[in-house]
Amino acid sequence: MTDNKKRRNKPIENADDGQTRARLSRVKVWLIDCDDTLYESSRGMFAAIHLRMESFIAQKLGVSIEEGRRLQHAYWARYGATFLGLEKHHGIAPEEFFEATHRFDLSEEVPEDFSRAKLRDSLKALKGKRVLVTNGPECYIKALLPLLGIADLFDAVVSADDMRVMGTWRCKPDETLFAGLAARFKARPEQCGFVEDSPVNLKTAKKLGMVTVWCAGYRKREPHRMQAHAWADVAVDSLVELARRVRNARSQAGMRPN
């Protein structure tokens, strides 16, 4: 193998320069996504939820399952959350949608090889406030976090139910929501670490000046290049890798592990 081929095949150490490491060490508030960030929801959980969404939409609107599926995908792509499109175009109350699609036994959909110990250890490495921010509903998150063994590791949870501001829904990737979260937890945007699997949401956080971490390892449908993009200061395979990077950043900054 030539030297050029070796260089091309070598994993890219993305955006982990001195400036980025310094910013990671100074994060005061971690805004952390749920699905495909905390665990691999795309392996089973999403399929179970999407089937319920398609069935609910089809029954509620009197359309075929295929049309229900089309509407679900279209509203998610346009608004960032299916329930926003259903309320806007069909007058369906979000609470009714949440109950019908997210309240079921989640335990069978958590991957068998999921490690609670690794996830807990990874989250504990993210010093400062840890805030879960998800477009998923409260009923889903309240059932999920105990299953993942991390219900006690978040200072706050911001779910879809909490994202109505002065009568207007402000879900990810809404810029007003992101700026409001920084203010709510008494941090400047540049003091916030935004951890996500969604490039769309990361772009908004990056625009505000947050430290953006692309948790890309579970998005196997996309070309898997572990390197930073314009919207990602750091790209990691999982929270385990992020924890390693943060520990390294804090160590190089002369900070105590705890």
Protein backbone atom coordinates (compact mmCIF):
# COMPACT_ATOMS: atom_id res chain seq x y z
CA MET A 1 0.00 0.00 0.00
CA THR A 2 1.36 3.41 -0.95
CA ASP A 3 1.84 6.24 1.53
CA ASN A 4 -0.97 8.19 -0.17
CA LYS A 5 -3.38 5.28 0.25
CA LYS A 6 -2.39 4.91 3.89
CA ARG A 7 -3.13 8.58 4.48
CA ARG A 8 -6.52 8.30 2.77
CA ASN A 9 -7.52 5.28 4.85
CA LYS A 10 -6.38 6.71 8.17
CA PRO A 11 -9.27 7.94 10.37
CA ILE A 12 -9.54 11.71 10.29
CA GLU A 13 -9.05 13.37 13.66
CA ASN A 14 -11.76 15.91 13.10
CA ALA A 15 -11.67 19.46 14.37
CA ASP A 16 -9.82 18.33 17.47
CA ASP A 17 -7.34 21.18 17.36
CA GLY A 18 -6.27 23.23 20.35
CA GLN A 19 -9.07 25.77 19.95
CA THR A 20 -11.78 23.13 19.82
CA ARG A 21 -10.35 21.25 22.79
CA ALA A 22 -10.30 24.48 24.77
CA ARG A 23 -13.94 25.14 23.93
CA LEU A 24 -14.94 21.61 24.94
CA SER A 25 -13.25 22.08 28.30
CA ARG A 26 -15.19 25.30 28.96
CA VAL A 27 -18.74 24.07 28.21
CA LYS A 28 -21.07 24.96 31.11
CA VAL A 29 -24.35 23.60 29.74
CA TRP A 30 -24.69 20.46 27.64
CA LEU A 31 -27.84 20.38 25.48
CA ILE A 32 -28.18 16.73 24.55
CA ASP A 33 -30.52 15.09 22.05
CA CYS A 34 -32.28 11.80 22.79
CA ASP A 35 -32.93 9.51 19.83
CA ASP A 36 -29.87 8.20 17.99
CA THR A 37 -27.71 10.18 20.38
CA LEU A 38 -28.26 8.54 23.78
CA TYR A 39 -28.95 5.16 22.17
CA GLU A 40 -29.61 3.62 18.76
CA SER A 41 -33.30 4.31 18.38
CA SER A 42 -33.18 3.81 14.61
CA ARG A 43 -32.60 0.08 15.14
CA GLY A 44 -36.08 -0.64 16.51
CA MET A 45 -37.74 2.19 18.45
CA PHE A 46 -38.29 4.46 15.46
CA ALA A 47 -39.95 1.68 13.48
CA ALA A 48 -42.38 0.98 16.34
CA ILE A 49 -43.23 4.67 16.75
CA HIS A 50 -43.56 5.33 13.03
CA LEU A 51 -45.98 2.43 12.59
CA ARG A 52 -48.17 3.96 15.29
CA MET A 53 -47.90 7.39 13.66
CA GLU A 54 -48.92 6.07 10.25
CA SER A 55 -51.85 4.15 11.70
CA PHE A 56 -53.02 7.13 13.77
CA ILE A 57 -52.86 9.52 10.82
CA ALA A 58 -54.63 7.07 8.51
CA GLN A 59 -57.43 6.43 10.99
CA LYS A 60 -57.82 10.06 12.02
CA LEU A 61 -57.90 11.46 8.50
CA GLY A 62 -59.61 8.52 6.81
CA VAL A 63 -56.74 7.86 4.41
CA SER A 64 -54.64 4.84 3.50
CA ILE A 65 -51.63 3.72 5.52
CA GLU A 66 -49.47 4.72 2.55
CA GLU A 67 -50.87 8.25 2.62
CA GLY A 68 -50.45 8.35 6.39
CA ARG A 69 -46.80 7.41 5.91
CA ARG A 70 -46.35 10.10 3.27
CA LEU A 71 -47.87 12.79 5.47
CA GLN A 72 -45.79 11.72 8.46
CA HIS A 73 -42.55 12.04 6.52
CA ALA A 74 -43.63 15.28 4.83
CA TYR A 75 -44.57 17.02 8.08
CA TRP A 76 -41.42 15.85 9.83
CA ALA A 77 -39.26 17.14 6.97
CA ARG A 78 -41.08 20.48 6.78
CA TYR A 79 -41.62 21.30 10.45
CA GLY A 80 -39.07 19.19 12.33
CA ALA A 81 -41.89 17.34 14.14
CA THR A 82 -44.87 15.45 12.73
CA PHE A 83 -47.31 16.79 15.32
CA LEU A 84 -46.75 20.38 14.16
CA GLY A 85 -48.02 19.58 10.69
CA LEU A 86 -50.98 17.63 12.03
CA GLU A 87 -52.04 20.53 14.24
CA LYS A 88 -51.46 23.18 11.59
CA HIS A 89 -53.17 21.44 8.68
CA HIS A 90 -55.72 19.16 10.37
CA GLY A 91 -56.40 20.66 13.80
CA ILE A 92 -55.25 17.52 15.62
CA ALA A 93 -54.25 18.22 19.22
CA PRO A 94 -50.60 17.33 19.90
CA GLU A 95 -51.54 15.66 23.18
CA GLU A 96 -53.84 13.21 21.40
CA PHE A 97 -51.10 12.40 18.90
CA PHE A 98 -48.48 11.91 21.63
CA GLU A 99 -50.65 9.52 23.63
CA ALA A 100 -51.56 7.44 20.61
CA THR A 101 -48.06 7.11 19.19
CA HIS A 102 -45.58 7.22 22.09
CA ARG A 103 -47.29 5.62 25.07
CA PHE A 104 -46.54 1.89 24.86
CA ASP A 105 -44.11 -0.62 26.35
CA LEU A 106 -40.74 0.69 25.20
CA SER A 107 -38.65 -2.01 26.83
CA GLU A 108 -38.76 -4.41 23.87
CA GLU A 109 -37.33 -1.76 21.53
CA VAL A 110 -34.13 -0.95 23.45
CA PRO A 111 -31.26 -2.77 21.70
CA GLU A 112 -30.13 -5.91 23.54
CA ASP A 113 -26.47 -4.87 23.41
CA PHE A 114 -27.16 -1.42 24.84
CA SER A 115 -24.84 -0.66 27.79
CA ARG A 116 -26.32 1.40 30.60
CA ALA A 117 -22.94 1.51 32.34
CA LYS A 118 -21.19 3.01 29.31
CA LEU A 119 -23.91 5.61 28.80
CA ARG A 120 -23.87 6.64 32.46
CA ASP A 121 -20.08 6.90 32.46
CA SER A 122 -20.16 8.99 29.27
CA LEU A 123 -22.76 11.43 30.57
CA LYS A 124 -20.92 11.86 33.87
CA ALA A 125 -17.85 12.99 31.90
CA LEU A 126 -19.83 15.97 30.58
CA LYS A 127 -19.28 18.35 33.47
CA GLY A 128 -21.67 21.23 34.09
CA LYS A 129 -25.42 21.16 33.59
CA ARG A 130 -26.83 18.38 31.43
CA VAL A 131 -30.14 19.14 29.72
CA LEU A 132 -32.03 16.68 27.55
CA VAL A 133 -33.64 18.49 24.62
CA THR A 134 -35.94 16.46 22.39
CA ASN A 135 -38.87 16.95 20.04
CA GLY A 136 -40.26 13.75 21.55
CA PRO A 137 -43.15 14.02 24.02
CA GLU A 138 -42.93 13.92 27.80
CA CYS A 139 -44.76 10.59 28.11
CA TYR A 140 -42.08 8.96 25.96
CA ILE A 141 -39.12 10.50 27.77
CA LYS A 142 -40.48 9.71 31.24
CA ALA A 143 -40.76 6.04 30.28
CA LEU A 144 -37.48 5.88 28.35
CA LEU A 145 -34.94 7.44 30.73
CA PRO A 146 -35.42 4.85 33.51
CA LEU A 147 -35.04 2.07 30.92
CA LEU A 148 -31.73 3.61 29.84
CA GLY A 149 -30.69 3.94 33.49
CA ILE A 150 -29.99 7.69 33.31
CA ALA A 151 -33.07 9.39 34.76
CA ASP A 152 -30.95 10.86 37.56
CA LEU A 153 -28.22 12.32 35.32
CA PHE A 154 -30.06 15.27 33.79
CA ASP A 155 -30.55 18.62 35.48
CA ALA A 156 -33.58 19.26 33.29
CA VAL A 157 -35.58 17.71 30.48
CA VAL A 158 -37.09 19.83 27.70
CA SER A 159 -39.56 17.77 25.68
CA ALA A 160 -42.02 18.70 22.95
CA ASP A 161 -44.63 19.46 25.61
CA ASP A 162 -42.40 22.28 26.88
CA MET A 163 -41.78 23.93 23.51
CA ARG A 164 -44.80 26.22 23.20
CA VAL A 165 -43.64 29.82 23.69
CA MET A 166 -46.32 32.51 23.97
CA GLY A 167 -48.78 30.36 22.04
CA THR A 168 -46.34 29.35 19.30
CA TRP A 169 -44.60 26.00 19.03
CA ARG A 170 -40.80 26.38 19.00
CA CYS A 171 -39.35 22.93 18.37
CA LYS A 172 -35.89 22.03 17.15
CA PRO A 173 -34.38 23.50 14.99
CA ASP A 174 -36.08 26.79 15.93
CA GLU A 175 -33.48 29.47 16.69
CA THR A 176 -35.68 31.12 19.32
CA LEU A 177 -35.86 27.84 21.24
CA PHE A 178 -32.08 27.41 21.21
CA ALA A 179 -31.37 30.97 22.32
CA GLY A 180 -34.01 30.65 25.02
CA LEU A 181 -32.44 27.46 26.35
CA ALA A 182 -29.07 29.16 26.77
CA ALA A 183 -30.71 32.05 28.63
CA ARG A 184 -32.84 29.73 30.77
CA PHE A 185 -29.76 27.90 32.04
CA LYS A 186 -27.79 31.13 32.54
CA ALA A 187 -25.18 30.57 29.85
CA ARG A 188 -24.06 32.39 26.77
CA PRO A 189 -24.51 30.37 23.57
CA GLU A 190 -20.75 29.89 23.26
CA GLN A 191 -20.77 28.25 26.71
CA CYS A 192 -23.26 25.61 25.53
CA GLY A 193 -22.36 22.26 23.99
CA PHE A 194 -25.04 21.04 21.59
CA VAL A 195 -24.93 17.27 21.02
CA GLU A 196 -27.06 15.93 18.16
CA ASP A 197 -27.36 13.40 15.37
CA SER A 198 -29.28 15.81 13.12
CA PRO A 199 -27.28 18.18 10.87
CA VAL A 200 -30.32 20.46 10.53
CA ASN A 201 -30.45 21.06 14.28
CA LEU A 202 -26.67 21.42 14.52
CA LYS A 203 -26.68 24.16 11.89
CA THR A 204 -28.94 26.34 14.05
CA ALA A 205 -26.81 25.75 17.15
CA LYS A 206 -23.65 26.57 15.19
CA LYS A 207 -25.20 29.79 13.90
CA LEU A 208 -25.74 30.91 17.50
CA GLY A 209 -22.12 30.14 18.41
CA MET A 210 -22.65 26.96 20.42
CA VAL A 211 -20.05 24.20 20.48
CA THR A 212 -21.61 21.66 18.12
CA VAL A 213 -21.01 17.92 18.44
CA TRP A 214 -22.28 15.66 15.68
CA CYS A 215 -23.06 12.25 17.17
CA ALA A 216 -22.96 10.48 13.84
CA GLY A 217 -22.37 6.83 14.57
CA TYR A 218 -26.00 5.67 14.56
CA ARG A 219 -26.93 7.39 11.29
CA LYS A 220 -25.78 4.47 9.18
CA ARG A 221 -28.07 5.36 6.28
CA GLU A 222 -25.79 8.28 5.45
CA PRO A 223 -22.21 8.29 4.14
CA HIS A 224 -20.20 7.67 7.28
CA ARG A 225 -17.32 10.14 7.34
CA MET A 226 -16.19 10.91 10.83
CA GLN A 227 -15.01 14.45 10.26
CA ALA A 228 -16.28 17.87 11.13
CA HIS A 229 -18.42 19.89 8.76
CA ALA A 230 -19.27 23.57 8.65
CA TRP A 231 -21.99 22.88 11.21
CA ALA A 232 -20.01 20.52 13.47
CA ASP A 233 -17.05 21.52 15.61
CA VAL A 234 -16.56 17.87 16.55
CA ALA A 235 -17.86 14.64 15.00
CA VAL A 236 -17.96 11.54 17.17
CA ASP A 237 -19.16 7.99 16.76
CA SER A 238 -21.03 8.02 20.08
CA LEU A 239 -21.21 9.65 23.48
CA VAL A 240 -18.45 7.28 24.58
CA GLU A 241 -16.07 8.99 22.17
CA LEU A 242 -17.30 12.44 23.18
CA ALA A 243 -16.60 11.59 26.83
CA ARG A 244 -13.05 10.62 25.90
CA ARG A 245 -12.53 13.87 24.04
CA VAL A 246 -13.94 15.97 26.87
CA ARG A 247 -11.79 14.21 29.47
CA ASN A 248 -8.75 14.80 27.27
CA ALA A 249 -9.68 18.47 26.77
CA ARG A 250 -10.14 19.06 30.48
CA SER A 251 -6.88 17.26 31.27
CA GLN A 252 -4.93 19.39 28.81
CA ALA A 253 -6.54 22.50 30.27
CA GLY A 254 -5.29 21.48 33.72
CA MET A 255 -8.78 20.86 35.10
CA ARG A 256 -9.60 18.31 37.79
CA PRO A 257 -11.45 15.19 36.58
CA ASN A 258 -14.36 15.98 38.89
